[in-house]
Amino acid sequence: HDLRFINRLCDRLCVMDQGQVIASGETEDVWRDPRVIEVYVGQSETA
């Protein structure tokens, strides 16, 4: 996925993991979601 392109193009996102929606909403809020961070980066800092 080209995340920079997505950030420029979209003002809302829906993120899925293994066929399940794990977050949706405004782009900035979705990227801050601990579940999204865990799936895309690894373990979140809040865990």
PDB file of N, CA and C in Angstrom:
ATOM      1  N   HIS A   1       0.833  -1.179   0.000  1.00  0.00           N
ATOM      2  CA  HIS A   1       0.000   0.000   0.000  1.00  0.00           C
ATOM      3  C   HIS A   1       0.883   1.249   0.000  1.00  0.00           C
ATOM      4  N   ASP A   2       0.513   2.223  -0.792  1.00  0.00           N
ATOM      5  CA  ASP A   2       1.230   3.499  -0.836  1.00  0.00           C
ATOM      6  C   ASP A   2       0.541   4.459   0.134  1.00  0.00           C
ATOM      7  N   LEU A   3       1.008   4.468   1.375  1.00  0.00           N
ATOM      8  CA  LEU A   3       0.342   5.231   2.423  1.00  0.00           C
ATOM      9  C   LEU A   3       0.438   6.735   2.206  1.00  0.00           C
ATOM     10  N   ARG A   4       1.526   7.218   1.646  1.00  0.00           N
ATOM     11  CA  ARG A   4       1.638   8.657   1.361  1.00  0.00           C
ATOM     12  C   ARG A   4       0.586   9.078   0.341  1.00  0.00           C
ATOM     13  N   PHE A   5       0.415   8.268  -0.696  1.00  0.00           N
ATOM     14  CA  PHE A   5      -0.598   8.560  -1.706  1.00  0.00           C
ATOM     15  C   PHE A   5      -1.990   8.551  -1.079  1.00  0.00           C
ATOM     16  N   ILE A   6      -2.260   7.562  -0.263  1.00  0.00           N
ATOM     17  CA  ILE A   6      -3.561   7.458   0.407  1.00  0.00           C
ATOM     18  C   ILE A   6      -3.817   8.689   1.266  1.00  0.00           C
ATOM     19  N   ASN A   7      -2.811   9.131   2.015  1.00  0.00           N
ATOM     20  CA  ASN A   7      -2.973  10.307   2.874  1.00  0.00           C
ATOM     21  C   ASN A   7      -3.275  11.565   2.067  1.00  0.00           C
ATOM     22  N   ARG A   8      -2.667  11.709   0.897  1.00  0.00           N
ATOM     23  CA  ARG A   8      -2.925  12.883   0.048  1.00  0.00           C
ATOM     24  C   ARG A   8      -4.305  12.816  -0.595  1.00  0.00           C
ATOM     25  N   LEU A   9      -4.753  11.633  -0.931  1.00  0.00           N
ATOM     26  CA  LEU A   9      -5.985  11.457  -1.687  1.00  0.00           C
ATOM     27  C   LEU A   9      -7.241  11.441  -0.809  1.00  0.00           C
ATOM     28  N   CYS A  10      -7.147  10.860   0.367  1.00  0.00           N
ATOM     29  CA  CYS A  10      -8.342  10.564   1.168  1.00  0.00           C
ATOM     30  C   CYS A  10      -8.449  11.446   2.405  1.00  0.00           C
ATOM     31  N   ASP A  11      -9.683  11.785   2.759  1.00  0.00           N
ATOM     32  CA  ASP A  11      -9.904  12.460   4.032  1.00  0.00           C
ATOM     33  C   ASP A  11     -10.570  11.516   5.036  1.00  0.00           C
ATOM     34  N   ARG A  12     -10.995  10.337   4.565  1.00  0.00           N
ATOM     35  CA  ARG A  12     -11.545   9.295   5.438  1.00  0.00           C
ATOM     36  C   ARG A  12     -10.972   7.956   4.998  1.00  0.00           C
ATOM     37  N   LEU A  13     -10.791   7.045   5.967  1.00  0.00           N
ATOM     38  CA  LEU A  13     -10.242   5.719   5.681  1.00  0.00           C
ATOM     39  C   LEU A  13     -11.076   4.642   6.347  1.00  0.00           C
ATOM     40  N   CYS A  14     -11.004   3.466   5.776  1.00  0.00           N
ATOM     41  CA  CYS A  14     -11.533   2.254   6.384  1.00  0.00           C
ATOM     42  C   CYS A  14     -10.403   1.232   6.308  1.00  0.00           C
ATOM     43  N   VAL A  15      -9.924   0.775   7.456  1.00  0.00           N
ATOM     44  CA  VAL A  15      -8.796  -0.157   7.500  1.00  0.00           C
ATOM     45  C   VAL A  15      -9.311  -1.533   7.889  1.00  0.00           C
ATOM     46  N   MET A  16      -8.891  -2.536   7.108  1.00  0.00           N
ATOM     47  CA  MET A  16      -9.303  -3.909   7.364  1.00  0.00           C
ATOM     48  C   MET A  16      -8.093  -4.765   7.694  1.00  0.00           C
ATOM     49  N   ASP A  17      -8.317  -5.770   8.515  1.00  0.00           N
ATOM     50  CA  ASP A  17      -7.302  -6.768   8.840  1.00  0.00           C
ATOM     51  C   ASP A  17      -7.970  -8.129   8.779  1.00  0.00           C
ATOM     52  N   GLN A  18      -7.483  -8.980   7.923  1.00  0.00           N
ATOM     53  CA  GLN A  18      -8.004 -10.326   7.741  1.00  0.00           C
ATOM     54  C   GLN A  18      -9.514 -10.330   7.512  1.00  0.00           C
ATOM     55  N   GLY A  19      -9.971  -9.386   6.670  1.00  0.00           N
ATOM     56  CA  GLY A  19     -11.374  -9.334   6.287  1.00  0.00           C
ATOM     57  C   GLY A  19     -12.298  -8.631   7.261  1.00  0.00           C
ATOM     58  N   GLN A  20     -11.762  -8.088   8.342  1.00  0.00           N
ATOM     59  CA  GLN A  20     -12.574  -7.398   9.340  1.00  0.00           C
ATOM     60  C   GLN A  20     -12.184  -5.922   9.405  1.00  0.00           C
ATOM     61  N   VAL A  21     -13.180  -5.040   9.484  1.00  0.00           N
ATOM     62  CA  VAL A  21     -12.908  -3.614   9.657  1.00  0.00           C
ATOM     63  C   VAL A  21     -12.398  -3.406  11.076  1.00  0.00           C
ATOM     64  N   ILE A  22     -11.211  -2.800  11.188  1.00  0.00           N
ATOM     65  CA  ILE A  22     -10.654  -2.536  12.519  1.00  0.00           C
ATOM     66  C   ILE A  22     -10.700  -1.060  12.875  1.00  0.00           C
ATOM     67  N   ALA A  23     -10.875  -0.188  11.881  1.00  0.00           N
ATOM     68  CA  ALA A  23     -10.984   1.246  12.146  1.00  0.00           C
ATOM     69  C   ALA A  23     -11.545   1.935  10.913  1.00  0.00           C
ATOM     70  N   SER A  24     -12.316   2.988  11.149  1.00  0.00           N
ATOM     71  CA  SER A  24     -12.786   3.823  10.049  1.00  0.00           C
ATOM     72  C   SER A  24     -13.056   5.211  10.598  1.00  0.00           C
ATOM     73  N   GLY A  25     -12.893   6.199   9.733  1.00  0.00           N
ATOM     74  CA  GLY A  25     -13.116   7.578  10.136  1.00  0.00           C
ATOM     75  C   GLY A  25     -12.159   8.507   9.433  1.00  0.00           C
ATOM     76  N   GLU A  26     -11.954   9.689  10.019  1.00  0.00           N
ATOM     77  CA  GLU A  26     -11.038  10.658   9.435  1.00  0.00           C
ATOM     78  C   GLU A  26      -9.626  10.086   9.432  1.00  0.00           C
ATOM     79  N   THR A  27      -8.890  10.393   8.370  1.00  0.00           N
ATOM     80  CA  THR A  27      -7.569   9.808   8.145  1.00  0.00           C
ATOM     81  C   THR A  27      -6.664   9.932   9.365  1.00  0.00           C
ATOM     82  N   GLU A  28      -6.541  11.124   9.926  1.00  0.00           N
ATOM     83  CA  GLU A  28      -5.649  11.335  11.073  1.00  0.00           C
ATOM     84  C   GLU A  28      -6.050  10.463  12.257  1.00  0.00           C
ATOM     85  N   ASP A  29      -7.341  10.345  12.516  1.00  0.00           N
ATOM     86  CA  ASP A  29      -7.815   9.538  13.643  1.00  0.00           C
ATOM     87  C   ASP A  29      -7.533   8.054  13.423  1.00  0.00           C
ATOM     88  N   VAL A  30      -7.739   7.585  12.202  1.00  0.00           N
ATOM     89  CA  VAL A  30      -7.514   6.169  11.900  1.00  0.00           C
ATOM     90  C   VAL A  30      -6.049   5.807  12.102  1.00  0.00           C
ATOM     91  N   TRP A  31      -5.117   6.655  11.621  1.00  0.00           N
ATOM     92  CA  TRP A  31      -3.689   6.340  11.764  1.00  0.00           C
ATOM     93  C   TRP A  31      -3.240   6.360  13.216  1.00  0.00           C
ATOM     94  N   ARG A  32      -3.992   7.024  14.105  1.00  0.00           N
ATOM     95  CA  ARG A  32      -3.655   7.048  15.537  1.00  0.00           C
ATOM     96  C   ARG A  32      -4.263   5.873  16.307  1.00  0.00           C
ATOM     97  N   ASP A  33      -5.145   5.136  15.681  1.00  0.00           N
ATOM     98  CA  ASP A  33      -5.828   4.023  16.346  1.00  0.00           C
ATOM     99  C   ASP A  33      -4.816   2.927  16.695  1.00  0.00           C
ATOM    100  N   PRO A  34      -4.757   2.503  17.964  1.00  0.00           N
ATOM    101  CA  PRO A  34      -3.784   1.479  18.380  1.00  0.00           C
ATOM    102  C   PRO A  34      -3.886   0.180  17.589  1.00  0.00           C
ATOM    103  N   ARG A  35      -5.088  -0.198  17.165  1.00  0.00           N
ATOM    104  CA  ARG A  35      -5.239  -1.432  16.377  1.00  0.00           C
ATOM    105  C   ARG A  35      -4.584  -1.285  15.013  1.00  0.00           C
ATOM    106  N   VAL A  36      -4.729  -0.122  14.396  1.00  0.00           N
ATOM    107  CA  VAL A  36      -4.114   0.130  13.089  1.00  0.00           C
ATOM    108  C   VAL A  36      -2.598   0.154  13.232  1.00  0.00           C
ATOM    109  N   ILE A  37      -2.107   0.806  14.259  1.00  0.00           N
ATOM    110  CA  ILE A  37      -0.662   0.855  14.503  1.00  0.00           C
ATOM    111  C   ILE A  37      -0.118  -0.550  14.673  1.00  0.00           C
ATOM    112  N   GLU A  38      -0.801  -1.376  15.440  1.00  0.00           N
ATOM    113  CA  GLU A  38      -0.333  -2.743  15.675  1.00  0.00           C
ATOM    114  C   GLU A  38      -0.281  -3.550  14.377  1.00  0.00           C
ATOM    115  N   VAL A  39      -1.294  -3.410  13.533  1.00  0.00           N
ATOM    116  CA  VAL A  39      -1.352  -4.177  12.287  1.00  0.00           C
ATOM    117  C   VAL A  39      -0.300  -3.699  11.285  1.00  0.00           C
ATOM    118  N   TYR A  40      -0.103  -2.385  11.169  1.00  0.00           N
ATOM    119  CA  TYR A  40       0.783  -1.853  10.134  1.00  0.00           C
ATOM    120  C   TYR A  40       2.222  -1.652  10.590  1.00  0.00           C
ATOM    121  N   VAL A  41       2.447  -1.451  11.889  1.00  0.00           N
ATOM    122  CA  VAL A  41       3.797  -1.144  12.369  1.00  0.00           C
ATOM    123  C   VAL A  41       4.333  -2.230  13.291  1.00  0.00           C
ATOM    124  N   GLY A  42       3.470  -2.839  14.041  1.00  0.00           N
ATOM    125  CA  GLY A  42       3.870  -3.781  15.074  1.00  0.00           C
ATOM    126  C   GLY A  42       3.161  -3.381  16.349  1.00  0.00           C
ATOM    127  N   GLN A  43       3.635  -3.842  17.461  1.00  0.00           N
ATOM    128  CA  GLN A  43       2.973  -3.581  18.742  1.00  0.00           C
ATOM    129  C   GLN A  43       2.871  -2.090  19.017  1.00  0.00           C
ATOM    130  N   SER A  44       1.683  -1.624  19.433  1.00  0.00           N
ATOM    131  CA  SER A  44       1.484  -0.209  19.742  1.00  0.00           C
ATOM    132  C   SER A  44       2.079   0.117  21.098  1.00  0.00           C
ATOM    133  N   GLU A  45       2.348   1.406  21.327  1.00  0.00           N
ATOM    134  CA  GLU A  45       2.947   1.848  22.579  1.00  0.00           C
ATOM    135  C   GLU A  45       2.001   1.688  23.755  1.00  0.00           C
ATOM    136  N   THR A  46       0.685   1.649  23.515  1.00  0.00           N
ATOM    137  CA  THR A  46      -0.283   1.563  24.600  1.00  0.00           C
ATOM    138  C   THR A  46      -0.463   0.147  25.115  1.00  0.00           C
ATOM    139  N   ALA A  47       0.112  -0.829  24.450  1.00  0.00           N
ATOM    140  CA  ALA A  47      -0.055  -2.230  24.854  1.00  0.00           C
ATOM    141  C   ALA A  47       0.860  -2.592  25.998  1.00  0.00           C
TER     142      ALA A  47
END
